[in-house]
Amino acid sequence: MPSDFEKKGLPDYLRPFFWDVDFQQLSAGKASFFIINRLLEHGDERAMKFLLKNYSRKELVDVVKNSRSLSNRSRGLWKIIFDMEKELCIPKRYPTPYGNY
């Protein structure tokens, strides 16, 4: 059975970071990877407080390690913050006719 956190929507102050999706439909639990990724890349101080309060370190580190859309600059910052300097954080790339993405 999902917890209240997993069912509830996001706080309204996070709306500007999700300009391209239906904000009302985002579930803090079901869309956790997407939400964490977007806020690690574009979030402000208030968004970071939300992440640290509502998601585990393991969930945040998982996004840093595996996200294909997190910029190298952001990934480098979060590796320092989460003390991941010795961990490999290169997301899997997929071959396409136009190169590896």
PDB file of N, CA and C in Angstrom:
ATOM      1  N   MET A   1       0.836  -1.182   0.000  1.00  0.00           N
ATOM      2  CA  MET A   1       0.000   0.000   0.000  1.00  0.00           C
ATOM      3  C   MET A   1       0.883   1.249   0.000  1.00  0.00           C
ATOM      4  N   PRO A   2       0.689   2.169  -0.926  1.00  0.00           N
ATOM      5  CA  PRO A   2       1.538   3.366  -1.005  1.00  0.00           C
ATOM      6  C   PRO A   2       1.338   4.286   0.195  1.00  0.00           C
ATOM      7  N   SER A   3       2.426   4.909   0.608  1.00  0.00           N
ATOM      8  CA  SER A   3       2.357   5.855   1.724  1.00  0.00           C
ATOM      9  C   SER A   3       1.728   7.166   1.255  1.00  0.00           C
ATOM     10  N   ASP A   4       1.392   8.039   2.213  1.00  0.00           N
ATOM     11  CA  ASP A   4       0.824   9.341   1.861  1.00  0.00           C
ATOM     12  C   ASP A   4       1.773  10.136   0.979  1.00  0.00           C
ATOM     13  N   PHE A   5       3.085  10.046   1.275  1.00  0.00           N
ATOM     14  CA  PHE A   5       4.068  10.780   0.476  1.00  0.00           C
ATOM     15  C   PHE A   5       4.032  10.324  -0.978  1.00  0.00           C
ATOM     16  N   GLU A   6       3.943   9.004  -1.202  1.00  0.00           N
ATOM     17  CA  GLU A   6       3.952   8.484  -2.567  1.00  0.00           C
ATOM     18  C   GLU A   6       2.715   8.891  -3.349  1.00  0.00           C
ATOM     19  N   LYS A   7       1.603   9.094  -2.669  1.00  0.00           N
ATOM     20  CA  LYS A   7       0.348   9.446  -3.345  1.00  0.00           C
ATOM     21  C   LYS A   7       0.198  10.942  -3.568  1.00  0.00           C
ATOM     22  N   LYS A   8       0.741  11.742  -2.673  1.00  0.00           N
ATOM     23  CA  LYS A   8       0.494  13.183  -2.748  1.00  0.00           C
ATOM     24  C   LYS A   8       1.265  13.844  -3.882  1.00  0.00           C
ATOM     25  N   GLY A   9       0.766  14.983  -4.284  1.00  0.00           N
ATOM     26  CA  GLY A   9       1.437  15.757  -5.312  1.00  0.00           C
ATOM     27  C   GLY A   9       2.585  16.552  -4.720  1.00  0.00           C
ATOM     28  N   LEU A  10       3.234  17.293  -5.565  1.00  0.00           N
ATOM     29  CA  LEU A  10       4.377  18.102  -5.137  1.00  0.00           C
ATOM     30  C   LEU A  10       3.902  19.453  -4.622  1.00  0.00           C
ATOM     31  N   PRO A  11       4.697  20.085  -3.751  1.00  0.00           N
ATOM     32  CA  PRO A  11       4.353  21.432  -3.289  1.00  0.00           C
ATOM     33  C   PRO A  11       4.337  22.416  -4.464  1.00  0.00           C
ATOM     34  N   ASP A  12       3.458  23.383  -4.393  1.00  0.00           N
ATOM     35  CA  ASP A  12       3.267  24.323  -5.493  1.00  0.00           C
ATOM     36  C   ASP A  12       4.528  25.131  -5.822  1.00  0.00           C
ATOM     37  N   TYR A  13       5.411  25.354  -4.838  1.00  0.00           N
ATOM     38  CA  TYR A  13       6.623  26.137  -5.114  1.00  0.00           C
ATOM     39  C   TYR A  13       7.580  25.417  -6.064  1.00  0.00           C
ATOM     40  N   LEU A  14       7.354  24.122  -6.334  1.00  0.00           N
ATOM     41  CA  LEU A  14       8.199  23.389  -7.281  1.00  0.00           C
ATOM     42  C   LEU A  14       7.665  23.456  -8.714  1.00  0.00           C
ATOM     43  N   ARG A  15       6.494  24.005  -8.906  1.00  0.00           N
ATOM     44  CA  ARG A  15       5.854  24.068 -10.220  1.00  0.00           C
ATOM     45  C   ARG A  15       6.756  24.655 -11.316  1.00  0.00           C
ATOM     46  N   PRO A  16       7.513  25.734 -11.069  1.00  0.00           N
ATOM     47  CA  PRO A  16       8.339  26.307 -12.151  1.00  0.00           C
ATOM     48  C   PRO A  16       9.391  25.341 -12.714  1.00  0.00           C
ATOM     49  N   PHE A  17       9.770  24.320 -11.963  1.00  0.00           N
ATOM     50  CA  PHE A  17      10.788  23.383 -12.434  1.00  0.00           C
ATOM     51  C   PHE A  17      10.203  22.295 -13.334  1.00  0.00           C
ATOM     52  N   PHE A  18       8.880  22.236 -13.428  1.00  0.00           N
ATOM     53  CA  PHE A  18       8.216  21.210 -14.233  1.00  0.00           C
ATOM     54  C   PHE A  18       7.325  21.873 -15.280  1.00  0.00           C
ATOM     55  N   TRP A  19       7.922  22.779 -16.033  1.00  0.00           N
ATOM     56  CA  TRP A  19       7.222  23.592 -17.016  1.00  0.00           C
ATOM     57  C   TRP A  19       6.673  22.782 -18.179  1.00  0.00           C
ATOM     58  N   ASP A  20       7.226  21.598 -18.440  1.00  0.00           N
ATOM     59  CA  ASP A  20       6.883  20.849 -19.641  1.00  0.00           C
ATOM     60  C   ASP A  20       5.988  19.638 -19.400  1.00  0.00           C
ATOM     61  N   VAL A  21       5.528  19.448 -18.159  1.00  0.00           N
ATOM     62  CA  VAL A  21       4.677  18.310 -17.837  1.00  0.00           C
ATOM     63  C   VAL A  21       3.446  18.794 -17.076  1.00  0.00           C
ATOM     64  N   ASP A  22       2.456  17.923 -16.971  1.00  0.00           N
ATOM     65  CA  ASP A  22       1.254  18.243 -16.204  1.00  0.00           C
ATOM     66  C   ASP A  22       1.601  18.131 -14.721  1.00  0.00           C
ATOM     67  N   PHE A  23       1.833  19.254 -14.091  1.00  0.00           N
ATOM     68  CA  PHE A  23       2.296  19.291 -12.708  1.00  0.00           C
ATOM     69  C   PHE A  23       1.330  18.586 -11.758  1.00  0.00           C
ATOM     70  N   GLN A  24       0.039  18.709 -11.990  1.00  0.00           N
ATOM     71  CA  GLN A  24      -0.961  18.108 -11.113  1.00  0.00           C
ATOM     72  C   GLN A  24      -0.894  16.578 -11.126  1.00  0.00           C
ATOM     73  N   GLN A  25      -0.387  16.010 -12.208  1.00  0.00           N
ATOM     74  CA  GLN A  25      -0.338  14.550 -12.345  1.00  0.00           C
ATOM     75  C   GLN A  25       0.934  13.925 -11.775  1.00  0.00           C
ATOM     76  N   LEU A  26       1.916  14.747 -11.399  1.00  0.00           N
ATOM     77  CA  LEU A  26       3.162  14.201 -10.856  1.00  0.00           C
ATOM     78  C   LEU A  26       2.937  13.642  -9.463  1.00  0.00           C
ATOM     79  N   SER A  27       3.366  12.421  -9.260  1.00  0.00           N
ATOM     80  CA  SER A  27       3.284  11.777  -7.954  1.00  0.00           C
ATOM     81  C   SER A  27       4.682  11.731  -7.368  1.00  0.00           C
ATOM     82  N   ALA A  28       4.819  12.195  -6.142  1.00  0.00           N
ATOM     83  CA  ALA A  28       6.131  12.243  -5.495  1.00  0.00           C
ATOM     84  C   ALA A  28       6.779  10.868  -5.416  1.00  0.00           C
ATOM     85  N   GLY A  29       5.982   9.815  -5.341  1.00  0.00           N
ATOM     86  CA  GLY A  29       6.521   8.458  -5.257  1.00  0.00           C
ATOM     87  C   GLY A  29       6.707   7.803  -6.607  1.00  0.00           C
ATOM     88  N   LYS A  30       5.683   7.851  -7.441  1.00  0.00           N
ATOM     89  CA  LYS A  30       5.731   7.150  -8.730  1.00  0.00           C
ATOM     90  C   LYS A  30       6.723   7.765  -9.703  1.00  0.00           C
ATOM     91  N   ALA A  31       6.888   9.068  -9.664  1.00  0.00           N
ATOM     92  CA  ALA A  31       7.786   9.751 -10.595  1.00  0.00           C
ATOM     93  C   ALA A  31       9.060  10.217  -9.891  1.00  0.00           C
ATOM     94  N   SER A  32       9.487   9.483  -8.887  1.00  0.00           N
ATOM     95  CA  SER A  32      10.609   9.953  -8.063  1.00  0.00           C
ATOM     96  C   SER A  32      11.895  10.169  -8.859  1.00  0.00           C
ATOM     97  N   PHE A  33      12.258   9.259  -9.766  1.00  0.00           N
ATOM     98  CA  PHE A  33      13.503   9.415 -10.524  1.00  0.00           C
ATOM     99  C   PHE A  33      13.452  10.697 -11.348  1.00  0.00           C
ATOM    100  N   PHE A  34      12.332  10.918 -12.035  1.00  0.00           N
ATOM    101  CA  PHE A  34      12.171  12.120 -12.855  1.00  0.00           C
ATOM    102  C   PHE A  34      12.230  13.385 -11.994  1.00  0.00           C
ATOM    103  N   ILE A  35      11.536  13.383 -10.884  1.00  0.00           N
ATOM    104  CA  ILE A  35      11.488  14.551  -9.995  1.00  0.00           C
ATOM    105  C   ILE A  35      12.866  14.856  -9.433  1.00  0.00           C
ATOM    106  N   ILE A  36      13.542  13.832  -8.931  1.00  0.00           N
ATOM    107  CA  ILE A  36      14.888  14.038  -8.368  1.00  0.00           C
ATOM    108  C   ILE A  36      15.829  14.559  -9.444  1.00  0.00           C
ATOM    109  N   ASN A  37      15.798  13.945 -10.614  1.00  0.00           N
ATOM    110  CA  ASN A  37      16.673  14.368 -11.711  1.00  0.00           C
ATOM    111  C   ASN A  37      16.445  15.827 -12.068  1.00  0.00           C
ATOM    112  N   ARG A  38      15.195  16.219 -12.226  1.00  0.00           N
ATOM    113  CA  ARG A  38      14.871  17.591 -12.630  1.00  0.00           C
ATOM    114  C   ARG A  38      15.324  18.582 -11.564  1.00  0.00           C
ATOM    115  N   LEU A  39      15.113  18.246 -10.288  1.00  0.00           N
ATOM    116  CA  LEU A  39      15.476  19.186  -9.234  1.00  0.00           C
ATOM    117  C   LEU A  39      16.984  19.233  -8.994  1.00  0.00           C
ATOM    118  N   LEU A  40      17.676  18.107  -9.176  1.00  0.00           N
ATOM    119  CA  LEU A  40      19.144  18.143  -9.064  1.00  0.00           C
ATOM    120  C   LEU A  40      19.744  19.013 -10.159  1.00  0.00           C
ATOM    121  N   GLU A  41      19.138  19.007 -11.327  1.00  0.00           N
ATOM    122  CA  GLU A  41      19.654  19.780 -12.457  1.00  0.00           C
ATOM    123  C   GLU A  41      19.243  21.253 -12.402  1.00  0.00           C
ATOM    124  N   HIS A  42      17.994  21.543 -12.053  1.00  0.00           N
ATOM    125  CA  HIS A  42      17.472  22.903 -12.173  1.00  0.00           C
ATOM    126  C   HIS A  42      17.023  23.534 -10.861  1.00  0.00           C
ATOM    127  N   GLY A  43      16.989  22.764  -9.790  1.00  0.00           N
ATOM    128  CA  GLY A  43      16.392  23.241  -8.547  1.00  0.00           C
ATOM    129  C   GLY A  43      17.170  24.336  -7.843  1.00  0.00           C
ATOM    130  N   ASP A  44      16.461  25.034  -6.964  1.00  0.00           N
ATOM    131  CA  ASP A  44      17.068  26.066  -6.133  1.00  0.00           C
ATOM    132  C   ASP A  44      17.224  25.521  -4.707  1.00  0.00           C
ATOM    133  N   GLU A  45      17.566  26.394  -3.777  1.00  0.00           N
ATOM    134  CA  GLU A  45      17.803  25.960  -2.400  1.00  0.00           C
ATOM    135  C   GLU A  45      16.562  25.315  -1.785  1.00  0.00           C
ATOM    136  N   ARG A  46      15.424  25.896  -2.038  1.00  0.00           N
ATOM    137  CA  ARG A  46      14.183  25.350  -1.485  1.00  0.00           C
ATOM    138  C   ARG A  46      13.886  23.960  -2.062  1.00  0.00           C
ATOM    139  N   ALA A  47      14.162  23.782  -3.335  1.00  0.00           N
ATOM    140  CA  ALA A  47      13.964  22.476  -3.980  1.00  0.00           C
ATOM    141  C   ALA A  47      14.916  21.435  -3.393  1.00  0.00           C
ATOM    142  N   MET A  48      16.146  21.849  -3.092  1.00  0.00           N
ATOM    143  CA  MET A  48      17.109  20.917  -2.489  1.00  0.00           C
ATOM    144  C   MET A  48      16.651  20.486  -1.094  1.00  0.00           C
ATOM    145  N   LYS A  49      16.108  21.423  -0.346  1.00  0.00           N
ATOM    146  CA  LYS A  49      15.579  21.076   0.985  1.00  0.00           C
ATOM    147  C   LYS A  49      14.450  20.063   0.855  1.00  0.00           C
ATOM    148  N   PHE A  50      13.595  20.243  -0.154  1.00  0.00           N
ATOM    149  CA  PHE A  50      12.521  19.287  -0.405  1.00  0.00           C
ATOM    150  C   PHE A  50      13.097  17.900  -0.705  1.00  0.00           C
ATOM    151  N   LEU A  51      14.105  17.843  -1.581  1.00  0.00           N
ATOM    152  CA  LEU A  51      14.716  16.557  -1.932  1.00  0.00           C
ATOM    153  C   LEU A  51      15.310  15.868  -0.714  1.00  0.00           C
ATOM    154  N   LEU A  52      16.093  16.609   0.054  1.00  0.00           N
ATOM    155  CA  LEU A  52      16.772  16.016   1.206  1.00  0.00           C
ATOM    156  C   LEU A  52      15.801  15.577   2.293  1.00  0.00           C
ATOM    157  N   LYS A  53      14.680  16.248   2.391  1.00  0.00           N
ATOM    158  CA  LYS A  53      13.682  15.895   3.401  1.00  0.00           C
ATOM    159  C   LYS A  53      12.850  14.686   2.980  1.00  0.00           C
ATOM    160  N   ASN A  54      12.581  14.551   1.679  1.00  0.00           N
ATOM    161  CA  ASN A  54      11.613  13.563   1.221  1.00  0.00           C
ATOM    162  C   ASN A  54      12.180  12.325   0.534  1.00  0.00           C
ATOM    163  N   TYR A  55      13.441  12.367   0.144  1.00  0.00           N
ATOM    164  CA  TYR A  55      14.036  11.223  -0.526  1.00  0.00           C
ATOM    165  C   TYR A  55      15.293  10.787   0.222  1.00  0.00           C
ATOM    166  N   SER A  56      15.568   9.496   0.162  1.00  0.00           N
ATOM    167  CA  SER A  56      16.748   8.960   0.849  1.00  0.00           C
ATOM    168  C   SER A  56      18.023   9.296   0.072  1.00  0.00           C
ATOM    169  N   ARG A  57      19.137   9.230   0.764  1.00  0.00           N
ATOM    170  CA  ARG A  57      20.437   9.445   0.121  1.00  0.00           C
ATOM    171  C   ARG A  57      20.626   8.431  -1.004  1.00  0.00           C
ATOM    172  N   LYS A  58      20.188   7.195  -0.763  1.00  0.00           N
ATOM    173  CA  LYS A  58      20.319   6.145  -1.768  1.00  0.00           C
ATOM    174  C   LYS A  58      19.575   6.510  -3.052  1.00  0.00           C
ATOM    175  N   GLU A  59      18.366   7.047  -2.935  1.00  0.00           N
ATOM    176  CA  GLU A  59      17.593   7.444  -4.111  1.00  0.00           C
ATOM    177  C   GLU A  59      18.290   8.579  -4.865  1.00  0.00           C
ATOM    178  N   LEU A  60      18.817   9.544  -4.131  1.00  0.00           N
ATOM    179  CA  LEU A  60      19.490  10.677  -4.764  1.00  0.00           C
ATOM    180  C   LEU A  60      20.768  10.226  -5.474  1.00  0.00           C
ATOM    181  N   VAL A  61      21.553   9.388  -4.808  1.00  0.00           N
ATOM    182  CA  VAL A  61      22.801   8.883  -5.386  1.00  0.00           C
ATOM    183  C   VAL A  61      22.501   8.036  -6.622  1.00  0.00           C
ATOM    184  N   ASP A  62      21.416   7.253  -6.580  1.00  0.00           N
ATOM    185  CA  ASP A  62      21.030   6.436  -7.725  1.00  0.00           C
ATOM    186  C   ASP A  62      20.787   7.309  -8.955  1.00  0.00           C
ATOM    187  N   VAL A  63      20.148   8.444  -8.764  1.00  0.00           N
ATOM    188  CA  VAL A  63      19.892   9.352  -9.892  1.00  0.00           C
ATOM    189  C   VAL A  63      21.209   9.935 -10.406  1.00  0.00           C
ATOM    190  N   VAL A  64      22.086  10.344  -9.501  1.00  0.00           N
ATOM    191  CA  VAL A  64      23.387  10.896  -9.922  1.00  0.00           C
ATOM    192  C   VAL A  64      24.159   9.854 -10.728  1.00  0.00           C
ATOM    193  N   LYS A  65      24.112   8.609 -10.319  1.00  0.00           N
ATOM    194  CA  LYS A  65      24.850   7.549 -11.007  1.00  0.00           C
ATOM    195  C   LYS A  65      24.249   7.169 -12.351  1.00  0.00           C
ATOM    196  N   ASN A  66      22.928   7.183 -12.454  1.00  0.00           N
ATOM    197  CA  ASN A  66      22.272   6.570 -13.604  1.00  0.00           C
ATOM    198  C   ASN A  66      21.547   7.501 -14.559  1.00  0.00           C
ATOM    199  N   SER A  67      21.372   8.754 -14.204  1.00  0.00           N
ATOM    200  CA  SER A  67      20.620   9.654 -15.066  1.00  0.00           C
ATOM    201  C   SER A  67      21.376   9.951 -16.353  1.00  0.00           C
ATOM    202  N   ARG A  68      20.663   9.857 -17.467  1.00  0.00           N
ATOM    203  CA  ARG A  68      21.256  10.194 -18.763  1.00  0.00           C
ATOM    204  C   ARG A  68      21.064  11.659 -19.099  1.00  0.00           C
ATOM    205  N   SER A  69      20.207  12.361 -18.337  1.00  0.00           N
ATOM    206  CA  SER A  69      19.950  13.765 -18.667  1.00  0.00           C
ATOM    207  C   SER A  69      20.577  14.750 -17.681  1.00  0.00           C
ATOM    208  N   LEU A  70      21.222  14.273 -16.657  1.00  0.00           N
ATOM    209  CA  LEU A  70      21.921  15.151 -15.714  1.00  0.00           C
ATOM    210  C   LEU A  70      23.225  15.614 -16.364  1.00  0.00           C
ATOM    211  N   SER A  71      23.453  16.923 -16.378  1.00  0.00           N
ATOM    212  CA  SER A  71      24.655  17.442 -17.034  1.00  0.00           C
ATOM    213  C   SER A  71      25.907  17.024 -16.265  1.00  0.00           C
ATOM    214  N   ASN A  72      27.027  16.992 -16.964  1.00  0.00           N
ATOM    215  CA  ASN A  72      28.293  16.645 -16.308  1.00  0.00           C
ATOM    216  C   ASN A  72      28.630  17.629 -15.199  1.00  0.00           C
ATOM    217  N   ARG A  73      28.284  18.870 -15.409  1.00  0.00           N
ATOM    218  CA  ARG A  73      28.549  19.892 -14.396  1.00  0.00           C
ATOM    219  C   ARG A  73      27.748  19.611 -13.116  1.00  0.00           C
ATOM    220  N   SER A  74      26.468  19.330 -13.273  1.00  0.00           N
ATOM    221  CA  SER A  74      25.634  19.004 -12.109  1.00  0.00           C
ATOM    222  C   SER A  74      26.083  17.699 -11.469  1.00  0.00           C
ATOM    223  N   ARG A  75      26.398  16.700 -12.306  1.00  0.00           N
ATOM    224  CA  ARG A  75      26.852  15.409 -11.779  1.00  0.00           C
ATOM    225  C   ARG A  75      28.119  15.598 -10.940  1.00  0.00           C
ATOM    226  N   GLY A  76      29.029  16.425 -11.408  1.00  0.00           N
ATOM    227  CA  GLY A  76      30.260  16.688 -10.665  1.00  0.00           C
ATOM    228  C   GLY A  76      29.984  17.339  -9.316  1.00  0.00           C
ATOM    229  N   LEU A  77      29.073  18.298  -9.294  1.00  0.00           N
ATOM    230  CA  LEU A  77      28.705  18.952  -8.038  1.00  0.00           C
ATOM    231  C   LEU A  77      28.111  17.958  -7.056  1.00  0.00           C
ATOM    232  N   TRP A  78      27.159  17.153  -7.510  1.00  0.00           N
ATOM    233  CA  TRP A  78      26.495  16.208  -6.607  1.00  0.00           C
ATOM    234  C   TRP A  78      27.426  15.087  -6.173  1.00  0.00           C
ATOM    235  N   LYS A  79      28.379  14.715  -7.007  1.00  0.00           N
ATOM    236  CA  LYS A  79      29.379  13.725  -6.577  1.00  0.00           C
ATOM    237  C   LYS A  79      30.167  14.253  -5.387  1.00  0.00           C
ATOM    238  N   ILE A  80      30.503  15.534  -5.402  1.00  0.00           N
ATOM    239  CA  ILE A  80      31.227  16.141  -4.286  1.00  0.00           C
ATOM    240  C   ILE A  80      30.335  16.209  -3.049  1.00  0.00           C
ATOM    241  N   ILE A  81      29.117  16.683  -3.225  1.00  0.00           N
ATOM    242  CA  ILE A  81      28.197  16.836  -2.092  1.00  0.00           C
ATOM    243  C   ILE A  81      27.883  15.497  -1.436  1.00  0.00           C
ATOM    244  N   PHE A  82      27.666  14.461  -2.243  1.00  0.00           N
ATOM    245  CA  PHE A  82      27.339  13.144  -1.689  1.00  0.00           C
ATOM    246  C   PHE A  82      28.572  12.279  -1.445  1.00  0.00           C
ATOM    247  N   ASP A  83      29.756  12.879  -1.527  1.00  0.00           N
ATOM    248  CA  ASP A  83      31.014  12.175  -1.272  1.00  0.00           C
ATOM    249  C   ASP A  83      31.116  10.892  -2.102  1.00  0.00           C
ATOM    250  N   MET A  84      30.962  11.046  -3.403  1.00  0.00           N
ATOM    251  CA  MET A  84      30.979   9.923  -4.329  1.00  0.00           C
ATOM    252  C   MET A  84      32.202   9.963  -5.240  1.00  0.00           C
ATOM    253  N   GLU A  85      33.212  10.666  -4.846  1.00  0.00           N
ATOM    254  CA  GLU A  85      34.369  10.885  -5.718  1.00  0.00           C
ATOM    255  C   GLU A  85      34.975   9.599  -6.271  1.00  0.00           C
ATOM    256  N   LYS A  86      34.931   8.512  -5.503  1.00  0.00           N
ATOM    257  CA  LYS A  86      35.568   7.280  -5.956  1.00  0.00           C
ATOM    258  C   LYS A  86      34.613   6.380  -6.725  1.00  0.00           C
ATOM    259  N   GLU A  87      33.340   6.768  -6.802  1.00  0.00           N
ATOM    260  CA  GLU A  87      32.353   5.942  -7.476  1.00  0.00           C
ATOM    261  C   GLU A  87      32.244   6.319  -8.949  1.00  0.00           C
ATOM    262  N   LEU A  88      32.035   5.327  -9.773  1.00  0.00           N
ATOM    263  CA  LEU A  88      31.869   5.544 -11.200  1.00  0.00           C
ATOM    264  C   LEU A  88      30.455   6.058 -11.460  1.00  0.00           C
ATOM    265  N   CYS A  89      30.353   7.192 -12.098  1.00  0.00           N
ATOM    266  CA  CYS A  89      29.051   7.809 -12.377  1.00  0.00           C
ATOM    267  C   CYS A  89      28.933   8.152 -13.852  1.00  0.00           C
ATOM    268  N   ILE A  90      29.046   7.152 -14.666  1.00  0.00           N
ATOM    269  CA  ILE A  90      28.907   7.369 -16.096  1.00  0.00           C
ATOM    270  C   ILE A  90      27.668   6.604 -16.537  1.00  0.00           C
ATOM    271  N   PRO A  91      26.602   7.312 -16.887  1.00  0.00           N
ATOM    272  CA  PRO A  91      25.378   6.614 -17.287  1.00  0.00           C
ATOM    273  C   PRO A  91      25.563   5.827 -18.562  1.00  0.00           C
ATOM    274  N   LYS A  92      24.836   4.735 -18.671  1.00  0.00           N
ATOM    275  CA  LYS A  92      24.889   3.881 -19.848  1.00  0.00           C
ATOM    276  C   LYS A  92      24.464   4.666 -21.084  1.00  0.00           C
ATOM    277  N   ARG A  93      25.210   4.558 -22.125  1.00  0.00           N
ATOM    278  CA  ARG A  93      24.884   5.215 -23.392  1.00  0.00           C
ATOM    279  C   ARG A  93      24.292   4.172 -24.338  1.00  0.00           C
ATOM    280  N   TYR A  94      23.407   4.625 -25.187  1.00  0.00           N
ATOM    281  CA  TYR A  94      22.732   3.722 -26.107  1.00  0.00           C
ATOM    282  C   TYR A  94      23.112   4.056 -27.537  1.00  0.00           C
ATOM    283  N   PRO A  95      23.489   3.038 -28.326  1.00  0.00           N
ATOM    284  CA  PRO A  95      23.868   3.301 -29.714  1.00  0.00           C
ATOM    285  C   PRO A  95      22.644   3.657 -30.556  1.00  0.00           C
ATOM    286  N   THR A  96      22.823   4.628 -31.422  1.00  0.00           N
ATOM    287  CA  THR A  96      21.791   5.013 -32.383  1.00  0.00           C
ATOM    288  C   THR A  96      22.479   5.204 -33.722  1.00  0.00           C
ATOM    289  N   PRO A  97      21.721   5.336 -34.784  1.00  0.00           N
ATOM    290  CA  PRO A  97      22.349   5.602 -36.090  1.00  0.00           C
ATOM    291  C   PRO A  97      23.120   6.935 -36.110  1.00  0.00           C
ATOM    292  N   TYR A  98      22.861   7.805 -35.146  1.00  0.00           N
ATOM    293  CA  TYR A  98      23.493   9.125 -35.122  1.00  0.00           C
ATOM    294  C   TYR A  98      24.633   9.220 -34.119  1.00  0.00           C
ATOM    295  N   GLY A  99      24.998   8.107 -33.502  1.00  0.00           N
ATOM    296  CA  GLY A  99      26.045   8.085 -32.493  1.00  0.00           C
ATOM    297  C   GLY A  99      25.510   7.548 -31.184  1.00  0.00           C
ATOM    298  N   ASN A 100      26.357   7.454 -30.193  1.00  0.00           N
ATOM    299  CA  ASN A 100      25.948   6.920 -28.895  1.00  0.00           C
ATOM    300  C   ASN A 100      25.350   8.015 -28.035  1.00  0.00           C
ATOM    301  N   TYR A 101      24.153   7.772 -27.522  1.00  0.00           N
ATOM    302  CA  TYR A 101      23.473   8.731 -26.658  1.00  0.00           C
ATOM    303  C   TYR A 101      23.020   8.065 -25.400  1.00  0.00           C
TER     304      TYR A 101
END
